[in-house]
Amino acid sequence: MQTNPTPPPYTSLVAVGDSFTEGMSDLLPDGSYRGWADLLAARMATRAPDFRYANLAVRGKLIGQIVDEQVDVAAAMKADVITLVGGLNDTLRPKCDMGRVRGLLTEAVERLAPACERLVLMRSPGRQGPVLERFRPRMEELFAHIDELAGKHGALVVDLYGAPSLSDPRLWDVDRLHLTAEGHRRVAEAVWQTLGYEAEDAAWHVPMPATLPPGWLTRRAADARFARQHLLPWIGRRLTGRSSGDGRPPKRPELLPYEGQA
């Protein structure tokens, strides 16, 4: 009889990043966000007594801010697992110095890799659409650099960009920038498996069953709502140098026992 391998004895997790790791748009009834990192922590907590979890992510943060505000804090926690997802916000800016982004990401990895047992990096998911197409070359340059850093520093890479399921518009919120609760569930599953745990959903990357596309009027109404509620405010923040995360503290700044709900 074949037995499953023993799951890794990870007893702590620190998540570093921006809105993707904060959990937008997996909205809970109390108005807070859950997200893949919370879901992952809840699962890991069932495998390890006194499991501890911190989430330093703040929406809107650029890679320079992540390095300045989160990386040293995360490294000092000496967690078993650290996840780092950053740089994508930089690639979406009209002006982006990719050389600087690569350098800062390298600095982050060089600080975090020695401070944990397992560093996890990601190739972020990307949906289809004309707005994102102009930024796709930058995104893919970022992901190629992530692969290089992982190879050099022994980090794991979760390839969400190559997962067909996560390009489905139905897994993205109305702002078209953040995943829905189902999208975050699939990301948590992907990281869970990458860390060596037994799959709970082996088909997380498989596309959802096809449905009839919405009609023309429905699509135009959705486009208008998206532009009014999300695109125009986003452009306004870019033009004025503001961020949705200005003044916002990390969602879980201390490495404490996790008592959450998956």
C-alpha atoms as a PDB file:
ATOM      1  CA  MET A   1       0.000   0.000   0.000  1.00  0.00           C
ATOM      2  CA  GLN A   2       1.409   3.383  -1.035  1.00  0.00           C
ATOM      3  CA  THR A   3       1.456   6.045   1.681  1.00  0.00           C
ATOM      4  CA  ASN A   4       1.463   9.796   1.220  1.00  0.00           C
ATOM      5  CA  PRO A   5       4.655  11.650   2.174  1.00  0.00           C
ATOM      6  CA  THR A   6       4.694  13.441   5.494  1.00  0.00           C
ATOM      7  CA  PRO A   7       3.666  17.105   5.027  1.00  0.00           C
ATOM      8  CA  PRO A   8       6.396  19.668   5.695  1.00  0.00           C
ATOM      9  CA  PRO A   9       6.538  20.690   9.365  1.00  0.00           C
ATOM     10  CA  TYR A  10       6.088  24.394   8.671  1.00  0.00           C
ATOM     11  CA  THR A  11       5.040  26.211  11.835  1.00  0.00           C
ATOM     12  CA  SER A  12       4.957  29.849  10.699  1.00  0.00           C
ATOM     13  CA  LEU A  13       4.158  31.991   7.674  1.00  0.00           C
ATOM     14  CA  VAL A  14       4.837  35.636   6.828  1.00  0.00           C
ATOM     15  CA  ALA A  15       3.229  37.180   3.732  1.00  0.00           C
ATOM     16  CA  VAL A  16       4.817  40.226   2.080  1.00  0.00           C
ATOM     17  CA  GLY A  17       3.338  42.301  -0.739  1.00  0.00           C
ATOM     18  CA  ASP A  18       0.516  44.497  -1.979  1.00  0.00           C
ATOM     19  CA  SER A  19      -3.261  44.219  -2.507  1.00  0.00           C
ATOM     20  CA  PHE A  20      -2.965  40.750  -4.030  1.00  0.00           C
ATOM     21  CA  THR A  21      -1.544  39.390  -0.771  1.00  0.00           C
ATOM     22  CA  GLU A  22      -3.718  41.616   1.418  1.00  0.00           C
ATOM     23  CA  GLY A  23      -6.668  39.752  -0.067  1.00  0.00           C
ATOM     24  CA  MET A  24      -8.583  42.181  -2.241  1.00  0.00           C
ATOM     25  CA  SER A  25     -11.308  41.491  -3.370  1.00  0.00           C
ATOM     26  CA  ASP A  26     -12.190  38.489  -1.185  1.00  0.00           C
ATOM     27  CA  LEU A  27     -14.582  40.547   0.913  1.00  0.00           C
ATOM     28  CA  LEU A  28     -15.889  39.299   4.264  1.00  0.00           C
ATOM     29  CA  PRO A  29     -19.224  40.351   5.823  1.00  0.00           C
ATOM     30  CA  ASP A  30     -17.466  42.740   8.241  1.00  0.00           C
ATOM     31  CA  GLY A  31     -15.928  44.677   5.324  1.00  0.00           C
ATOM     32  CA  SER A  32     -12.418  43.274   5.728  1.00  0.00           C
ATOM     33  CA  TYR A  33     -10.575  41.189   3.150  1.00  0.00           C
ATOM     34  CA  ARG A  34      -9.550  37.559   3.547  1.00  0.00           C
ATOM     35  CA  GLY A  35      -7.574  36.360   0.513  1.00  0.00           C
ATOM     36  CA  TRP A  36      -5.285  33.492  -0.417  1.00  0.00           C
ATOM     37  CA  ALA A  37      -2.691  34.113   2.309  1.00  0.00           C
ATOM     38  CA  ASP A  38      -5.296  33.892   5.086  1.00  0.00           C
ATOM     39  CA  LEU A  39      -6.748  30.757   3.484  1.00  0.00           C
ATOM     40  CA  LEU A  40      -3.279  29.221   3.253  1.00  0.00           C
ATOM     41  CA  ALA A  41      -2.513  30.080   6.871  1.00  0.00           C
ATOM     42  CA  ALA A  42      -5.770  28.484   8.004  1.00  0.00           C
ATOM     43  CA  ARG A  43      -4.857  25.261   6.210  1.00  0.00           C
ATOM     44  CA  MET A  44      -1.286  25.226   7.506  1.00  0.00           C
ATOM     45  CA  ALA A  45      -2.560  25.827  11.044  1.00  0.00           C
ATOM     46  CA  THR A  46      -4.468  22.529  10.914  1.00  0.00           C
ATOM     47  CA  ARG A  47      -1.151  20.695  10.369  1.00  0.00           C
ATOM     48  CA  ALA A  48       0.981  22.401  13.013  1.00  0.00           C
ATOM     49  CA  PRO A  49       0.187  23.132  16.672  1.00  0.00           C
ATOM     50  CA  ASP A  50       0.712  26.780  17.653  1.00  0.00           C
ATOM     51  CA  PHE A  51       1.033  27.838  14.018  1.00  0.00           C
ATOM     52  CA  ARG A  52       1.862  31.536  13.689  1.00  0.00           C
ATOM     53  CA  TYR A  53       1.027  33.934  10.861  1.00  0.00           C
ATOM     54  CA  ALA A  54       1.751  37.535   9.896  1.00  0.00           C
ATOM     55  CA  ASN A  55       0.578  39.416   6.815  1.00  0.00           C
ATOM     56  CA  LEU A  56       2.470  42.648   6.180  1.00  0.00           C
ATOM     57  CA  ALA A  57       0.858  43.361   2.800  1.00  0.00           C
ATOM     58  CA  VAL A  58      -0.736  46.736   2.067  1.00  0.00           C
ATOM     59  CA  ARG A  59      -2.711  47.588  -1.052  1.00  0.00           C
ATOM     60  CA  GLY A  60      -1.123  49.844  -3.650  1.00  0.00           C
ATOM     61  CA  LYS A  61       2.473  49.340  -2.528  1.00  0.00           C
ATOM     62  CA  LEU A  62       5.256  49.556  -5.093  1.00  0.00           C
ATOM     63  CA  ILE A  63       8.292  47.281  -4.870  1.00  0.00           C
ATOM     64  CA  GLY A  64      10.415  50.073  -3.367  1.00  0.00           C
ATOM     65  CA  GLN A  65       7.871  50.563  -0.588  1.00  0.00           C
ATOM     66  CA  ILE A  66       7.700  46.820   0.014  1.00  0.00           C
ATOM     67  CA  VAL A  67      11.486  46.719   0.382  1.00  0.00           C
ATOM     68  CA  ASP A  68      11.572  49.754   2.669  1.00  0.00           C
ATOM     69  CA  GLU A  69       8.569  48.932   4.848  1.00  0.00           C
ATOM     70  CA  GLN A  70       8.106  45.156   4.890  1.00  0.00           C
ATOM     71  CA  VAL A  71      11.205  43.182   3.964  1.00  0.00           C
ATOM     72  CA  ASP A  72      13.371  43.780   7.040  1.00  0.00           C
ATOM     73  CA  VAL A  73      10.355  43.339   9.324  1.00  0.00           C
ATOM     74  CA  ALA A  74       9.576  39.998   7.672  1.00  0.00           C
ATOM     75  CA  ALA A  75      13.189  38.841   7.776  1.00  0.00           C
ATOM     76  CA  ALA A  76      13.418  39.592  11.498  1.00  0.00           C
ATOM     77  CA  MET A  77      10.459  37.308  12.205  1.00  0.00           C
ATOM     78  CA  LYS A  78      12.476  34.231  11.132  1.00  0.00           C
ATOM     79  CA  ALA A  79       9.394  32.406   9.891  1.00  0.00           C
ATOM     80  CA  ASP A  80       9.566  28.985   8.281  1.00  0.00           C
ATOM     81  CA  VAL A  81       7.858  30.268   5.135  1.00  0.00           C
ATOM     82  CA  ILE A  82       7.876  33.756   3.619  1.00  0.00           C
ATOM     83  CA  THR A  83       5.876  34.641   0.534  1.00  0.00           C
ATOM     84  CA  LEU A  84       6.891  37.638  -1.557  1.00  0.00           C
ATOM     85  CA  VAL A  85       4.712  39.064  -4.325  1.00  0.00           C
ATOM     86  CA  GLY A  86       5.581  42.541  -5.555  1.00  0.00           C
ATOM     87  CA  GLY A  87       6.493  44.641  -8.542  1.00  0.00           C
ATOM     88  CA  LEU A  88       3.297  44.251 -10.523  1.00  0.00           C
ATOM     89  CA  ASN A  89       1.981  47.637  -9.403  1.00  0.00           C
ATOM     90  CA  ASP A  90       5.172  49.167 -10.784  1.00  0.00           C
ATOM     91  CA  THR A  91       4.655  47.567 -14.199  1.00  0.00           C
ATOM     92  CA  LEU A  92       1.179  49.112 -14.417  1.00  0.00           C
ATOM     93  CA  ARG A  93       2.481  52.658 -13.982  1.00  0.00           C
ATOM     94  CA  PRO A  94       2.740  54.759 -17.171  1.00  0.00           C
ATOM     95  CA  LYS A  95       6.427  55.318 -16.447  1.00  0.00           C
ATOM     96  CA  CYS A  96       8.285  52.329 -15.080  1.00  0.00           C
ATOM     97  CA  ASP A  97      12.029  51.793 -14.763  1.00  0.00           C
ATOM     98  CA  MET A  98      12.209  48.011 -15.098  1.00  0.00           C
ATOM     99  CA  GLY A  99      15.905  48.020 -14.269  1.00  0.00           C
ATOM    100  CA  ARG A 100      15.112  49.610 -10.916  1.00  0.00           C
ATOM    101  CA  VAL A 101      12.237  47.169 -10.326  1.00  0.00           C
ATOM    102  CA  ARG A 102      14.499  44.189 -11.019  1.00  0.00           C
ATOM    103  CA  GLY A 103      17.160  45.603  -8.713  1.00  0.00           C
ATOM    104  CA  LEU A 104      14.732  46.140  -5.849  1.00  0.00           C
ATOM    105  CA  LEU A 105      13.210  42.702  -6.253  1.00  0.00           C
ATOM    106  CA  THR A 106      16.699  41.226  -6.180  1.00  0.00           C
ATOM    107  CA  GLU A 107      17.420  43.141  -2.970  1.00  0.00           C
ATOM    108  CA  ALA A 108      14.225  41.806  -1.393  1.00  0.00           C
ATOM    109  CA  VAL A 109      15.005  38.205  -2.286  1.00  0.00           C
ATOM    110  CA  GLU A 110      18.601  38.498  -1.087  1.00  0.00           C
ATOM    111  CA  ARG A 111      17.376  39.699   2.307  1.00  0.00           C
ATOM    112  CA  LEU A 112      14.493  37.256   2.697  1.00  0.00           C
ATOM    113  CA  ALA A 113      15.957  33.993   1.385  1.00  0.00           C
ATOM    114  CA  PRO A 114      18.508  33.565   4.236  1.00  0.00           C
ATOM    115  CA  ALA A 115      15.887  34.516   6.837  1.00  0.00           C
ATOM    116  CA  CYS A 116      13.488  31.623   6.279  1.00  0.00           C
ATOM    117  CA  GLU A 117      13.399  27.926   5.532  1.00  0.00           C
ATOM    118  CA  ARG A 118      11.381  28.399   2.364  1.00  0.00           C
ATOM    119  CA  LEU A 119      10.893  31.549   0.276  1.00  0.00           C
ATOM    120  CA  VAL A 120       7.937  31.487  -2.104  1.00  0.00           C
ATOM    121  CA  LEU A 121       7.765  33.787  -5.140  1.00  0.00           C
ATOM    122  CA  MET A 122       4.975  34.035  -7.695  1.00  0.00           C
ATOM    123  CA  ARG A 123       4.306  34.743 -11.314  1.00  0.00           C
ATOM    124  CA  SER A 124       1.116  36.721 -10.689  1.00  0.00           C
ATOM    125  CA  PRO A 125      -2.108  35.843 -12.515  1.00  0.00           C
ATOM    126  CA  GLY A 126      -3.052  37.932 -15.524  1.00  0.00           C
ATOM    127  CA  ARG A 127      -6.458  38.243 -17.118  1.00  0.00           C
ATOM    128  CA  GLN A 128      -7.083  39.036 -20.744  1.00  0.00           C
ATOM    129  CA  GLY A 129      -8.092  42.545 -21.833  1.00  0.00           C
ATOM    130  CA  PRO A 130      -6.971  45.552 -23.862  1.00  0.00           C
ATOM    131  CA  VAL A 131      -6.008  47.631 -20.819  1.00  0.00           C
ATOM    132  CA  LEU A 132      -3.476  45.067 -19.613  1.00  0.00           C
ATOM    133  CA  GLU A 133      -2.102  44.159 -23.027  1.00  0.00           C
ATOM    134  CA  ARG A 134       0.078  47.262 -23.194  1.00  0.00           C
ATOM    135  CA  PHE A 135       1.732  46.295 -19.910  1.00  0.00           C
ATOM    136  CA  ARG A 136       2.164  42.585 -20.680  1.00  0.00           C
ATOM    137  CA  PRO A 137       5.818  42.833 -21.896  1.00  0.00           C
ATOM    138  CA  ARG A 138       6.793  44.459 -18.592  1.00  0.00           C
ATOM    139  CA  MET A 139       4.907  41.806 -16.629  1.00  0.00           C
ATOM    140  CA  GLU A 140       6.650  38.999 -18.485  1.00  0.00           C
ATOM    141  CA  GLU A 141      10.038  40.675 -17.975  1.00  0.00           C
ATOM    142  CA  LEU A 142       9.267  40.773 -14.254  1.00  0.00           C
ATOM    143  CA  PHE A 143       8.285  37.103 -14.226  1.00  0.00           C
ATOM    144  CA  ALA A 144      11.447  36.074 -16.091  1.00  0.00           C
ATOM    145  CA  HIS A 145      13.501  37.848 -13.420  1.00  0.00           C
ATOM    146  CA  ILE A 146      11.529  36.068 -10.688  1.00  0.00           C
ATOM    147  CA  ASP A 147      12.428  32.725 -12.270  1.00  0.00           C
ATOM    148  CA  GLU A 148      16.110  33.720 -12.340  1.00  0.00           C
ATOM    149  CA  LEU A 149      16.083  34.804  -8.699  1.00  0.00           C
ATOM    150  CA  ALA A 150      14.356  31.605  -7.614  1.00  0.00           C
ATOM    151  CA  GLY A 151      16.965  29.496  -9.353  1.00  0.00           C
ATOM    152  CA  LYS A 152      19.801  31.444  -7.764  1.00  0.00           C
ATOM    153  CA  HIS A 153      18.419  31.508  -4.219  1.00  0.00           C
ATOM    154  CA  GLY A 154      16.552  28.207  -4.023  1.00  0.00           C
ATOM    155  CA  ALA A 155      13.100  29.789  -3.799  1.00  0.00           C
ATOM    156  CA  LEU A 156       9.879  28.187  -4.971  1.00  0.00           C
ATOM    157  CA  VAL A 157       7.888  29.790  -7.782  1.00  0.00           C
ATOM    158  CA  VAL A 158       4.110  29.447  -8.064  1.00  0.00           C
ATOM    159  CA  ASP A 159       3.186  29.941 -11.709  1.00  0.00           C
ATOM    160  CA  LEU A 160      -0.217  31.604 -11.575  1.00  0.00           C
ATOM    161  CA  TYR A 161       0.388  33.441 -14.846  1.00  0.00           C
ATOM    162  CA  GLY A 162       0.462  30.132 -16.700  1.00  0.00           C
ATOM    163  CA  ALA A 163      -2.757  28.821 -15.122  1.00  0.00           C
ATOM    164  CA  PRO A 164      -5.633  28.901 -17.658  1.00  0.00           C
ATOM    165  CA  SER A 165      -8.286  29.115 -14.940  1.00  0.00           C
ATOM    166  CA  LEU A 166      -6.980  32.411 -13.548  1.00  0.00           C
ATOM    167  CA  SER A 167      -7.325  34.267 -16.840  1.00  0.00           C
ATOM    168  CA  ASP A 168     -11.103  33.714 -16.720  1.00  0.00           C
ATOM    169  CA  PRO A 169     -12.931  37.062 -16.208  1.00  0.00           C
ATOM    170  CA  ARG A 170     -15.367  35.297 -13.885  1.00  0.00           C
ATOM    171  CA  LEU A 171     -12.565  34.912 -11.328  1.00  0.00           C
ATOM    172  CA  TRP A 172     -11.894  38.653 -11.266  1.00  0.00           C
ATOM    173  CA  ASP A 173     -13.780  41.316  -9.341  1.00  0.00           C
ATOM    174  CA  VAL A 174     -15.592  44.186 -11.051  1.00  0.00           C
ATOM    175  CA  ASP A 175     -12.447  46.341 -10.709  1.00  0.00           C
ATOM    176  CA  ARG A 176     -10.689  43.891 -13.079  1.00  0.00           C
ATOM    177  CA  LEU A 177      -7.535  44.092 -10.975  1.00  0.00           C
ATOM    178  CA  HIS A 178      -8.281  41.769  -8.055  1.00  0.00           C
ATOM    179  CA  LEU A 179      -9.427  38.175  -7.781  1.00  0.00           C
ATOM    180  CA  THR A 180     -12.768  37.045  -6.412  1.00  0.00           C
ATOM    181  CA  ALA A 181     -13.087  34.687  -3.447  1.00  0.00           C
ATOM    182  CA  GLU A 182     -12.938  31.706  -5.823  1.00  0.00           C
ATOM    183  CA  GLY A 183      -9.809  33.103  -7.448  1.00  0.00           C
ATOM    184  CA  HIS A 184      -8.121  33.478  -4.070  1.00  0.00           C
ATOM    185  CA  ARG A 185      -9.151  29.939  -3.128  1.00  0.00           C
ATOM    186  CA  ARG A 186      -7.382  28.625  -6.221  1.00  0.00           C
ATOM    187  CA  VAL A 187      -4.254  30.638  -5.455  1.00  0.00           C
ATOM    188  CA  ALA A 188      -4.177  29.263  -1.900  1.00  0.00           C
ATOM    189  CA  GLU A 189      -4.427  25.758  -3.355  1.00  0.00           C
ATOM    190  CA  ALA A 190      -1.579  26.457  -5.771  1.00  0.00           C
ATOM    191  CA  VAL A 191       0.728  27.666  -2.982  1.00  0.00           C
ATOM    192  CA  TRP A 192      -0.348  24.791  -0.733  1.00  0.00           C
ATOM    193  CA  GLN A 193       0.689  22.243  -3.349  1.00  0.00           C
ATOM    194  CA  THR A 194       3.922  24.078  -4.173  1.00  0.00           C
ATOM    195  CA  LEU A 195       4.913  23.854  -0.503  1.00  0.00           C
ATOM    196  CA  GLY A 196       4.585  20.080  -0.708  1.00  0.00           C
ATOM    197  CA  TYR A 197       1.201  19.445   0.856  1.00  0.00           C
ATOM    198  CA  GLU A 198      -1.176  16.895  -0.618  1.00  0.00           C
ATOM    199  CA  ALA A 199      -3.563  18.402  -3.152  1.00  0.00           C
ATOM    200  CA  GLU A 200      -7.079  19.191  -2.006  1.00  0.00           C
ATOM    201  CA  ASP A 201      -8.019  20.436  -5.479  1.00  0.00           C
ATOM    202  CA  ALA A 202      -5.745  18.941  -8.120  1.00  0.00           C
ATOM    203  CA  ALA A 203      -7.654  20.820 -10.827  1.00  0.00           C
ATOM    204  CA  TRP A 204      -7.273  24.350  -9.452  1.00  0.00           C
ATOM    205  CA  HIS A 205      -5.610  25.428 -12.713  1.00  0.00           C
ATOM    206  CA  VAL A 206      -8.247  23.880 -14.975  1.00  0.00           C
ATOM    207  CA  PRO A 207     -10.595  26.385 -16.667  1.00  0.00           C
ATOM    208  CA  MET A 208     -14.116  26.704 -15.328  1.00  0.00           C
ATOM    209  CA  PRO A 209     -16.944  25.198 -17.419  1.00  0.00           C
ATOM    210  CA  ALA A 210     -17.932  27.467 -20.284  1.00  0.00           C
ATOM    211  CA  THR A 211     -21.049  29.592 -20.026  1.00  0.00           C
ATOM    212  CA  LEU A 212     -22.821  31.827 -22.493  1.00  0.00           C
ATOM    213  CA  PRO A 213     -21.079  35.223 -22.651  1.00  0.00           C
ATOM    214  CA  PRO A 214     -23.073  38.261 -21.502  1.00  0.00           C
ATOM    215  CA  GLY A 215     -24.907  40.234 -24.169  1.00  0.00           C
ATOM    216  CA  TRP A 216     -23.641  43.433 -25.749  1.00  0.00           C
ATOM    217  CA  LEU A 217     -25.725  45.748 -23.556  1.00  0.00           C
ATOM    218  CA  THR A 218     -24.628  43.940 -20.404  1.00  0.00           C
ATOM    219  CA  ARG A 219     -20.964  44.207 -21.409  1.00  0.00           C
ATOM    220  CA  ARG A 220     -21.245  47.918 -22.225  1.00  0.00           C
ATOM    221  CA  ALA A 221     -22.978  48.599 -18.915  1.00  0.00           C
ATOM    222  CA  ALA A 222     -20.235  46.714 -17.085  1.00  0.00           C
ATOM    223  CA  ASP A 223     -17.563  48.675 -18.989  1.00  0.00           C
ATOM    224  CA  ALA A 224     -19.195  51.969 -18.053  1.00  0.00           C
ATOM    225  CA  ARG A 225     -19.495  50.977 -14.389  1.00  0.00           C
ATOM    226  CA  PHE A 226     -15.859  49.809 -14.341  1.00  0.00           C
ATOM    227  CA  ALA A 227     -14.648  53.103 -15.848  1.00  0.00           C
ATOM    228  CA  ARG A 228     -16.693  55.225 -13.444  1.00  0.00           C
ATOM    229  CA  GLN A 229     -16.059  53.312 -10.226  1.00  0.00           C
ATOM    230  CA  HIS A 230     -12.534  51.996 -10.725  1.00  0.00           C
ATOM    231  CA  LEU A 231     -10.594  53.104 -13.814  1.00  0.00           C
ATOM    232  CA  LEU A 232     -11.051  56.864 -13.441  1.00  0.00           C
ATOM    233  CA  PRO A 233     -10.241  56.899  -9.689  1.00  0.00           C
ATOM    234  CA  TRP A 234      -7.186  54.715 -10.402  1.00  0.00           C
ATOM    235  CA  ILE A 235      -5.984  57.154 -13.073  1.00  0.00           C
ATOM    236  CA  GLY A 236      -6.608  60.050 -10.695  1.00  0.00           C
ATOM    237  CA  ARG A 237      -4.398  58.476  -8.020  1.00  0.00           C
ATOM    238  CA  ARG A 238      -1.640  57.868 -10.569  1.00  0.00           C
ATOM    239  CA  LEU A 239      -1.729  61.492 -11.745  1.00  0.00           C
ATOM    240  CA  THR A 240      -1.622  62.902  -8.222  1.00  0.00           C
ATOM    241  CA  GLY A 241       0.931  60.458  -6.802  1.00  0.00           C
ATOM    242  CA  ARG A 242      -1.518  58.994  -4.310  1.00  0.00           C
ATOM    243  CA  SER A 243      -2.044  55.330  -3.433  1.00  0.00           C
ATOM    244  CA  SER A 244      -5.008  53.381  -2.101  1.00  0.00           C
ATOM    245  CA  GLY A 245      -2.707  52.168   0.685  1.00  0.00           C
ATOM    246  CA  ASP A 246      -1.537  55.572   1.914  1.00  0.00           C
ATOM    247  CA  GLY A 247      -1.678  55.606   5.716  1.00  0.00           C
ATOM    248  CA  ARG A 248      -3.014  52.060   5.911  1.00  0.00           C
ATOM    249  CA  PRO A 249      -1.293  49.657   8.360  1.00  0.00           C
ATOM    250  CA  PRO A 250      -0.521  46.013   7.531  1.00  0.00           C
ATOM    251  CA  LYS A 251      -3.476  43.704   7.988  1.00  0.00           C
ATOM    252  CA  ARG A 252      -1.628  41.418  10.440  1.00  0.00           C
ATOM    253  CA  PRO A 253       1.630  43.084  11.534  1.00  0.00           C
ATOM    254  CA  GLU A 254       2.770  40.598  14.190  1.00  0.00           C
ATOM    255  CA  LEU A 255       3.700  36.936  13.942  1.00  0.00           C
ATOM    256  CA  LEU A 256       1.042  35.497  16.230  1.00  0.00           C
ATOM    257  CA  PRO A 257      -0.896  32.241  16.594  1.00  0.00           C
ATOM    258  CA  TYR A 258      -3.455  32.039  13.805  1.00  0.00           C
ATOM    259  CA  GLU A 259      -7.073  31.607  14.805  1.00  0.00           C
ATOM    260  CA  GLY A 260      -8.815  32.149  11.514  1.00  0.00           C
ATOM    261  CA  GLN A 261     -11.461  30.623   9.339  1.00  0.00           C
ATOM    262  CA  ALA A 262     -10.790  29.098   5.930  1.00  0.00           C
END
